[in-house]
Amino acid sequence: MVEIDVKPHNKPIPPLDKWMVDSKTDHNYTITTTLFEPKPDLIARAILKSAYLYMFHSVGYEFALSEHAAKMREVIAGNLEYPLPSGYLANIPENPALPEGLVFIQNPKNCRPSQ
């Protein structure tokens, strides 16, 4: 048996509320989920937005008023194409050789297909 606990929500969702009550006694139901393929352009823009916010936090308005920041805002808004292809995102352990913040690593050796 699987039990699901949903935290209080401001607006009731009648079908979900009914299912939560009914599923405790009636086990004859089906759950259908839909998964979507990730969109590389949205992922790249989200990573760029994180980099932009990190730089603004670290450097301040000197960065925000720069030409580079203006181009980043255009890419984030979808008005300019991201200049690099989508890269590889991973949880990299702390490494003193890498600078603090977001790092773009393209085609790392341990991720290259064997030839």
N, C-alpha and C. Protein backbone atom coordinates (compact mmCIF):
# COMPACT_ATOMS: atom_id res chain seq x y z
N MET A 1 0.85 -1.20 0.00
CA MET A 1 0.00 0.00 0.00
C MET A 1 0.88 1.24 0.00
N VAL A 2 0.49 2.20 -0.79
CA VAL A 2 1.19 3.47 -0.85
C VAL A 2 0.29 4.53 -0.25
N GLU A 3 0.85 5.31 0.65
CA GLU A 3 0.06 6.39 1.23
C GLU A 3 0.67 7.71 0.81
N ILE A 4 -0.15 8.63 0.37
CA ILE A 4 0.31 9.93 -0.09
C ILE A 4 -0.26 10.98 0.85
N ASP A 5 0.60 11.85 1.31
CA ASP A 5 0.16 12.94 2.17
C ASP A 5 0.37 14.24 1.41
N VAL A 6 -0.67 15.00 1.22
CA VAL A 6 -0.58 16.26 0.50
C VAL A 6 -0.73 17.38 1.51
N LYS A 7 0.23 18.30 1.49
CA LYS A 7 0.17 19.42 2.42
C LYS A 7 -1.01 20.33 2.07
N PRO A 8 -1.53 21.06 3.05
CA PRO A 8 -2.68 21.93 2.78
C PRO A 8 -2.42 22.90 1.63
N HIS A 9 -3.42 23.10 0.84
CA HIS A 9 -3.35 23.99 -0.32
C HIS A 9 -4.42 25.04 -0.13
N ASN A 10 -4.16 26.25 -0.60
CA ASN A 10 -5.12 27.34 -0.42
C ASN A 10 -6.45 27.06 -1.10
N LYS A 11 -6.40 26.44 -2.31
CA LYS A 11 -7.64 26.15 -3.02
C LYS A 11 -7.86 24.65 -3.04
N PRO A 12 -9.06 24.19 -2.71
CA PRO A 12 -9.32 22.75 -2.81
C PRO A 12 -9.33 22.32 -4.27
N ILE A 13 -8.90 21.10 -4.49
CA ILE A 13 -8.93 20.50 -5.82
C ILE A 13 -9.86 19.29 -5.70
N PRO A 14 -11.16 19.47 -6.00
CA PRO A 14 -12.15 18.43 -5.74
C PRO A 14 -11.77 17.04 -6.26
N PRO A 15 -11.30 16.87 -7.51
CA PRO A 15 -10.97 15.51 -7.96
C PRO A 15 -9.86 14.88 -7.12
N LEU A 16 -8.86 15.68 -6.75
CA LEU A 16 -7.78 15.15 -5.92
C LEU A 16 -8.28 14.83 -4.52
N ASP A 17 -9.09 15.71 -3.96
CA ASP A 17 -9.64 15.47 -2.63
C ASP A 17 -10.48 14.19 -2.61
N LYS A 18 -11.31 14.00 -3.63
CA LYS A 18 -12.15 12.79 -3.72
C LYS A 18 -11.27 11.56 -3.84
N TRP A 19 -10.22 11.64 -4.70
CA TRP A 19 -9.35 10.49 -4.88
C TRP A 19 -8.63 10.14 -3.58
N MET A 20 -8.19 11.16 -2.83
CA MET A 20 -7.49 10.92 -1.57
C MET A 20 -8.38 10.16 -0.59
N VAL A 21 -9.65 10.50 -0.55
CA VAL A 21 -10.57 9.82 0.36
C VAL A 21 -10.90 8.42 -0.17
N ASP A 22 -11.27 8.33 -1.46
CA ASP A 22 -11.68 7.05 -2.04
C ASP A 22 -10.56 6.03 -2.11
N SER A 23 -9.34 6.47 -2.33
CA SER A 23 -8.23 5.53 -2.52
C SER A 23 -7.89 4.76 -1.25
N LYS A 24 -8.34 5.21 -0.11
CA LYS A 24 -8.06 4.49 1.15
C LYS A 24 -8.89 3.22 1.26
N THR A 25 -10.05 3.19 0.59
CA THR A 25 -10.91 2.00 0.69
C THR A 25 -11.09 1.30 -0.65
N ASP A 26 -11.03 2.05 -1.74
CA ASP A 26 -11.23 1.46 -3.06
C ASP A 26 -9.90 1.44 -3.81
N HIS A 27 -9.35 0.23 -4.00
CA HIS A 27 -8.03 0.10 -4.63
C HIS A 27 -8.14 -0.14 -6.13
N ASN A 28 -9.31 0.06 -6.69
CA ASN A 28 -9.51 -0.15 -8.12
C ASN A 28 -9.46 1.21 -8.84
N TYR A 29 -8.25 1.71 -9.03
CA TYR A 29 -8.09 2.98 -9.71
C TYR A 29 -6.80 2.94 -10.52
N THR A 30 -6.67 3.87 -11.43
CA THR A 30 -5.48 3.98 -12.28
C THR A 30 -4.94 5.39 -12.19
N ILE A 31 -3.62 5.48 -12.10
CA ILE A 31 -2.97 6.79 -12.11
C ILE A 31 -2.20 6.91 -13.42
N THR A 32 -2.45 7.96 -14.14
CA THR A 32 -1.76 8.20 -15.41
C THR A 32 -0.90 9.44 -15.26
N THR A 33 0.36 9.32 -15.65
CA THR A 33 1.25 10.48 -15.60
C THR A 33 1.76 10.77 -17.00
N THR A 34 2.08 12.00 -17.23
CA THR A 34 2.64 12.41 -18.52
C THR A 34 3.99 13.05 -18.26
N LEU A 35 5.01 12.54 -18.91
CA LEU A 35 6.35 13.10 -18.80
C LEU A 35 6.71 13.76 -20.12
N PHE A 36 7.38 14.87 -20.04
CA PHE A 36 7.76 15.61 -21.23
C PHE A 36 9.27 15.56 -21.40
N GLU A 37 9.70 15.55 -22.64
CA GLU A 37 11.13 15.62 -22.94
C GLU A 37 11.65 16.99 -22.50
N PRO A 38 12.83 17.02 -21.91
CA PRO A 38 13.38 18.34 -21.56
C PRO A 38 13.68 19.15 -22.81
N LYS A 39 13.51 20.43 -22.71
CA LYS A 39 13.77 21.33 -23.85
C LYS A 39 15.13 21.99 -23.64
N PRO A 40 16.13 21.60 -24.45
CA PRO A 40 17.49 22.12 -24.24
C PRO A 40 17.58 23.64 -24.20
N ASP A 41 16.80 24.34 -25.03
CA ASP A 41 16.89 25.80 -25.02
C ASP A 41 16.39 26.39 -23.70
N LEU A 42 15.35 25.79 -23.12
CA LEU A 42 14.85 26.28 -21.82
C LEU A 42 15.84 25.97 -20.71
N ILE A 43 16.48 24.80 -20.79
CA ILE A 43 17.48 24.43 -19.79
C ILE A 43 18.66 25.39 -19.86
N ALA A 44 19.14 25.66 -21.08
CA ALA A 44 20.27 26.58 -21.26
C ALA A 44 19.92 27.96 -20.73
N ARG A 45 18.70 28.43 -21.00
CA ARG A 45 18.29 29.75 -20.51
C ARG A 45 18.19 29.77 -18.98
N ALA A 46 17.72 28.68 -18.39
CA ALA A 46 17.62 28.60 -16.93
C ALA A 46 19.01 28.62 -16.29
N ILE A 47 19.96 27.89 -16.89
CA ILE A 47 21.33 27.89 -16.38
C ILE A 47 21.94 29.29 -16.52
N LEU A 48 21.69 29.93 -17.65
CA LEU A 48 22.21 31.27 -17.87
C LEU A 48 21.60 32.26 -16.87
N LYS A 49 20.32 32.09 -16.57
CA LYS A 49 19.68 32.97 -15.58
C LYS A 49 20.33 32.79 -14.21
N SER A 50 20.64 31.53 -13.85
CA SER A 50 21.33 31.28 -12.58
C SER A 50 22.69 31.96 -12.56
N ALA A 51 23.41 31.86 -13.68
CA ALA A 51 24.72 32.50 -13.77
C ALA A 51 24.57 34.02 -13.65
N TYR A 52 23.57 34.58 -14.33
CA TYR A 52 23.32 36.02 -14.28
C TYR A 52 23.05 36.46 -12.84
N LEU A 53 22.17 35.75 -12.14
CA LEU A 53 21.84 36.12 -10.76
C LEU A 53 23.04 35.96 -9.84
N TYR A 54 23.84 34.92 -10.07
CA TYR A 54 25.04 34.72 -9.26
C TYR A 54 26.01 35.89 -9.47
N MET A 55 26.23 36.29 -10.74
CA MET A 55 27.13 37.39 -11.02
C MET A 55 26.59 38.71 -10.44
N PHE A 56 25.29 38.91 -10.52
CA PHE A 56 24.71 40.14 -9.95
C PHE A 56 24.92 40.15 -8.44
N HIS A 57 24.73 39.00 -7.81
CA HIS A 57 24.93 38.90 -6.36
C HIS A 57 26.40 39.15 -6.01
N SER A 58 27.32 38.61 -6.81
CA SER A 58 28.75 38.71 -6.52
C SER A 58 29.35 40.07 -6.87
N VAL A 59 28.94 40.64 -8.00
CA VAL A 59 29.58 41.85 -8.52
C VAL A 59 28.69 43.09 -8.34
N GLY A 60 27.38 42.89 -8.46
CA GLY A 60 26.46 44.01 -8.28
C GLY A 60 26.13 44.72 -9.57
N TYR A 61 25.81 46.01 -9.46
CA TYR A 61 25.34 46.77 -10.62
C TYR A 61 26.42 46.97 -11.68
N GLU A 62 27.68 46.90 -11.28
CA GLU A 62 28.74 47.00 -12.28
C GLU A 62 28.56 45.90 -13.34
N PHE A 63 28.20 44.71 -12.88
CA PHE A 63 27.91 43.62 -13.83
C PHE A 63 26.58 43.86 -14.52
N ALA A 64 25.54 44.17 -13.76
CA ALA A 64 24.18 44.29 -14.31
C ALA A 64 24.11 45.35 -15.42
N LEU A 65 24.94 46.37 -15.35
CA LEU A 65 24.91 47.44 -16.34
C LEU A 65 25.88 47.21 -17.49
N SER A 66 26.57 46.06 -17.47
CA SER A 66 27.56 45.78 -18.51
C SER A 66 26.90 45.28 -19.79
N GLU A 67 27.65 45.34 -20.89
CA GLU A 67 27.17 44.84 -22.18
C GLU A 67 26.93 43.33 -22.14
N HIS A 68 27.78 42.61 -21.40
CA HIS A 68 27.64 41.16 -21.28
C HIS A 68 26.32 40.79 -20.58
N ALA A 69 26.01 41.52 -19.53
CA ALA A 69 24.76 41.26 -18.81
C ALA A 69 23.56 41.56 -19.70
N ALA A 70 23.65 42.61 -20.51
CA ALA A 70 22.55 42.95 -21.41
C ALA A 70 22.29 41.81 -22.40
N LYS A 71 23.38 41.23 -22.93
CA LYS A 71 23.21 40.10 -23.86
C LYS A 71 22.61 38.90 -23.13
N MET A 72 23.05 38.66 -21.90
CA MET A 72 22.49 37.55 -21.12
C MET A 72 20.99 37.74 -20.91
N ARG A 73 20.57 38.97 -20.60
CA ARG A 73 19.14 39.24 -20.40
C ARG A 73 18.36 38.99 -21.69
N GLU A 74 18.94 39.33 -22.83
CA GLU A 74 18.27 39.09 -24.11
C GLU A 74 18.10 37.59 -24.36
N VAL A 75 19.11 36.81 -24.04
CA VAL A 75 19.01 35.35 -24.21
C VAL A 75 17.97 34.79 -23.25
N ILE A 76 18.02 35.22 -21.99
CA ILE A 76 17.07 34.74 -20.98
C ILE A 76 15.64 35.06 -21.39
N ALA A 77 15.42 36.23 -21.98
CA ALA A 77 14.08 36.64 -22.43
C ALA A 77 13.64 35.92 -23.70
N GLY A 78 14.58 35.22 -24.36
CA GLY A 78 14.24 34.51 -25.59
C GLY A 78 14.34 35.39 -26.83
N ASN A 79 14.93 36.58 -26.70
CA ASN A 79 15.06 37.50 -27.83
C ASN A 79 16.35 37.30 -28.61
N LEU A 80 17.28 36.53 -28.07
CA LEU A 80 18.58 36.29 -28.69
C LEU A 80 18.92 34.82 -28.50
N GLU A 81 19.51 34.20 -29.50
CA GLU A 81 19.83 32.78 -29.40
C GLU A 81 21.06 32.57 -28.53
N TYR A 82 21.00 31.53 -27.71
CA TYR A 82 22.13 31.19 -26.84
C TYR A 82 23.33 30.84 -27.72
N PRO A 83 24.50 31.42 -27.46
CA PRO A 83 25.62 31.27 -28.39
C PRO A 83 26.32 29.90 -28.36
N LEU A 84 26.07 29.10 -27.34
CA LEU A 84 26.74 27.80 -27.24
C LEU A 84 25.71 26.69 -27.26
N PRO A 85 26.07 25.51 -27.77
CA PRO A 85 25.14 24.38 -27.68
C PRO A 85 24.99 23.95 -26.22
N SER A 86 23.89 23.27 -25.91
CA SER A 86 23.68 22.81 -24.54
C SER A 86 24.83 21.93 -24.12
N GLY A 87 25.26 22.13 -22.92
CA GLY A 87 26.40 21.38 -22.40
C GLY A 87 25.98 20.26 -21.49
N TYR A 88 26.79 19.98 -20.53
CA TYR A 88 26.59 18.88 -19.61
C TYR A 88 26.48 19.46 -18.22
N LEU A 89 25.45 19.09 -17.48
CA LEU A 89 25.24 19.60 -16.14
C LEU A 89 25.39 18.46 -15.16
N ALA A 90 26.23 18.63 -14.17
CA ALA A 90 26.46 17.57 -13.19
C ALA A 90 26.73 18.17 -11.83
N ASN A 91 26.58 17.36 -10.81
CA ASN A 91 26.93 17.75 -9.46
C ASN A 91 28.40 17.41 -9.28
N ILE A 92 29.25 18.39 -9.39
CA ILE A 92 30.70 18.16 -9.32
C ILE A 92 31.14 18.40 -7.88
N PRO A 93 31.86 17.42 -7.29
CA PRO A 93 32.33 17.61 -5.91
C PRO A 93 33.23 18.85 -5.82
N GLU A 94 33.34 19.38 -4.62
CA GLU A 94 34.17 20.56 -4.42
C GLU A 94 35.57 20.31 -4.96
N ASN A 95 36.06 21.23 -5.73
CA ASN A 95 37.37 21.07 -6.35
C ASN A 95 38.04 22.44 -6.34
N PRO A 96 39.18 22.57 -5.66
CA PRO A 96 39.85 23.88 -5.59
C PRO A 96 40.29 24.40 -6.95
N ALA A 97 40.38 23.52 -7.95
CA ALA A 97 40.80 23.95 -9.29
C ALA A 97 39.69 24.67 -10.03
N LEU A 98 38.44 24.51 -9.59
CA LEU A 98 37.31 25.15 -10.25
C LEU A 98 36.92 26.41 -9.49
N PRO A 99 36.59 27.48 -10.20
CA PRO A 99 36.17 28.70 -9.51
C PRO A 99 34.78 28.51 -8.90
N GLU A 100 34.47 29.35 -7.92
CA GLU A 100 33.15 29.30 -7.29
C GLU A 100 32.10 29.75 -8.29
N GLY A 101 30.94 29.12 -8.28
CA GLY A 101 29.85 29.53 -9.16
C GLY A 101 29.57 28.51 -10.25
N LEU A 102 28.92 28.96 -11.31
CA LEU A 102 28.58 28.08 -12.41
C LEU A 102 29.76 27.94 -13.36
N VAL A 103 30.02 26.71 -13.77
CA VAL A 103 31.13 26.44 -14.67
C VAL A 103 30.58 25.67 -15.86
N PHE A 104 30.95 26.08 -17.06
CA PHE A 104 30.53 25.37 -18.27
C PHE A 104 31.67 24.45 -18.67
N ILE A 105 31.44 23.15 -18.56
CA ILE A 105 32.44 22.16 -18.93
C ILE A 105 31.91 21.45 -20.17
N GLN A 106 32.66 21.53 -21.23
CA GLN A 106 32.21 20.94 -22.48
C GLN A 106 33.00 19.67 -22.77
N ASN A 107 32.27 18.56 -22.98
CA ASN A 107 32.85 17.27 -23.34
C ASN A 107 33.93 16.80 -22.37
N PRO A 108 33.59 16.65 -21.07
CA PRO A 108 34.60 16.17 -20.12
C PRO A 108 35.06 14.76 -20.47
N LYS A 109 36.30 14.45 -20.16
CA LYS A 109 36.90 13.17 -20.54
C LYS A 109 36.09 11.98 -20.04
N ASN A 110 35.63 12.02 -18.79
CA ASN A 110 34.92 10.86 -18.25
C ASN A 110 33.51 10.70 -18.81
N CYS A 111 33.05 11.66 -19.63
CA CYS A 111 31.72 11.56 -20.24
C CYS A 111 31.78 11.34 -21.74
N ARG A 112 32.99 11.26 -22.30
CA ARG A 112 33.11 11.05 -23.74
C ARG A 112 32.77 9.61 -24.07
N PRO A 113 32.11 9.40 -25.18
CA PRO A 113 31.84 8.00 -25.58
C PRO A 113 33.15 7.29 -25.92
N SER A 114 33.23 6.02 -25.52
CA SER A 114 34.46 5.27 -25.83
C SER A 114 34.54 5.03 -27.33
N GLN A 115 35.75 5.05 -27.86
CA GLN A 115 35.91 4.91 -29.31
C GLN A 115 36.64 3.65 -29.64
